[in-house]
Protein backbone atom coordinates (compact mmCIF):
# COMPACT_ATOMS: atom_id res chain seq x y z
CA MET A 1 -27.05 15.73 -73.87
CA THR A 2 -25.57 13.90 -70.91
CA ALA A 3 -26.24 14.99 -67.14
CA GLN A 4 -22.73 16.07 -66.65
CA ASP A 5 -23.42 18.65 -69.64
CA GLU A 6 -26.88 20.05 -68.01
CA PRO A 7 -26.42 23.42 -66.03
CA ASP A 8 -27.17 22.62 -61.89
CA PRO A 9 -31.02 24.04 -61.30
CA PHE A 10 -30.24 24.79 -57.37
CA ALA A 11 -26.60 26.41 -58.26
CA ASP A 12 -28.07 29.52 -57.41
CA LEU A 13 -29.20 28.53 -54.24
CA LYS A 14 -25.73 26.81 -53.01
CA PRO A 15 -24.88 30.04 -50.82
CA HIS A 16 -28.20 30.32 -48.98
CA ILE A 17 -28.30 26.58 -48.09
CA GLU A 18 -24.59 26.70 -47.08
CA ALA A 19 -25.75 29.73 -45.17
CA LEU A 20 -28.28 27.88 -43.07
CA ASP A 21 -26.59 24.65 -42.43
CA ALA A 22 -24.12 27.14 -40.73
CA LEU A 23 -26.71 28.80 -38.80
CA PHE A 24 -28.19 25.25 -37.79
CA SER A 25 -24.65 23.96 -36.38
CA TYR A 26 -24.33 27.12 -34.58
CA LEU A 27 -27.92 26.65 -32.85
CA ASP A 28 -27.21 23.16 -32.21
CA LEU A 29 -31.07 22.57 -32.22
CA LYS A 30 -30.93 19.07 -31.19
CA SER A 31 -29.49 19.90 -27.85
CA ALA A 32 -31.74 22.76 -26.97
CA PRO A 33 -33.90 22.17 -23.54
CA SER A 34 -37.45 21.60 -24.43
CA ILE A 35 -39.77 23.79 -23.49
CA PRO A 36 -42.80 22.02 -21.91
CA LYS A 37 -46.07 22.61 -23.37
CA ALA A 38 -48.30 21.68 -20.46
CA CYS A 39 -47.58 22.12 -16.90
CA GLY A 40 -47.43 18.26 -16.19
CA SER A 41 -48.83 18.10 -12.78
CA TYR A 42 -51.29 15.42 -11.48
CA ALA A 43 -54.33 15.63 -10.28
CA ARG A 44 -55.00 13.75 -7.12
CA SER A 45 -58.79 13.25 -8.25
CA ASN A 46 -58.10 11.36 -11.32
CA ARG A 47 -54.44 11.56 -11.93
CA ARG A 48 -54.44 13.11 -15.37
CA PRO A 49 -51.71 15.44 -16.02
CA CYS A 50 -52.54 19.07 -16.04
CA GLN A 51 -52.69 20.76 -19.67
CA ALA A 52 -52.46 24.12 -18.46
CA PRO A 53 -49.64 26.46 -20.24
CA PRO A 54 -46.78 26.56 -17.70
CA ARG A 55 -45.00 29.82 -16.84
CA PRO A 56 -41.16 30.18 -16.62
CA ASN A 57 -40.75 28.00 -13.68
CA SER A 58 -42.69 25.07 -16.02
CA ARG A 59 -45.47 24.96 -13.54
CA CYS A 60 -48.85 26.48 -14.08
CA ARG A 61 -49.98 29.15 -11.86
CA SER A 62 -52.07 26.88 -9.90
CA HIS A 63 -49.13 24.55 -9.49
CA GLU A 64 -46.26 26.87 -8.59
CA ALA A 65 -44.38 26.40 -5.36
CA LYS A 66 -45.72 26.85 -2.54
CA GLY A 67 -44.82 29.99 -0.14
CA THR A 68 -42.45 29.32 2.56
CA GLY A 69 -44.49 30.98 5.63
CA SER A 70 -43.88 33.90 7.69
CA ARG A 71 -40.16 33.98 8.30
CA THR A 72 -40.05 37.22 10.84
CA ALA A 73 -41.67 37.41 14.33
CA GLN A 74 -43.98 40.08 13.38
CA GLY A 75 -45.16 37.76 10.15
CA LYS A 76 -45.65 34.55 12.66
CA ALA A 77 -47.81 36.84 15.13
CA GLN A 78 -49.91 38.04 12.41
CA ALA A 79 -50.08 34.50 11.06
CA SER A 80 -51.22 33.71 14.46
CA ARG A 81 -53.90 35.92 15.01
CA LEU A 82 -55.60 35.66 11.78
CA HIS A 83 -55.88 32.05 12.10
CA TRP A 84 -57.33 31.92 15.41
CA ALA A 85 -59.35 34.77 14.27
CA ALA A 86 -60.79 32.45 11.36
CA HIS A 87 -61.15 29.77 14.31
CA ARG A 88 -63.10 31.18 16.58
CA SER A 89 -65.55 32.68 13.73
CA ALA A 90 -66.18 28.91 12.68
CA GLU A 91 -66.91 28.28 16.09
CA ARG A 92 -69.86 31.05 16.54
CA ARG A 93 -71.51 29.89 12.97
CA PRO A 94 -74.81 28.12 13.77
């Protein structure tokens, strides 16, 4: 018997392989954006990257964006009162 006379052992798998090839070409996994596995922010003390798992904004809960501060006049007044109250209480400590 020659190699041409033998039946293909993978003949029954060809439709499945073709379907998977079509699916992978549709998804185009090579161009998909990579999902970071760690936060990546660097510590000031030792300059090592943070290894905490990221949130959807690509940073961990400790390194998420800072708040924008008070925007309304009422909020600014409250922040000022709280700041000076903390400052005065610190002065009273022995």
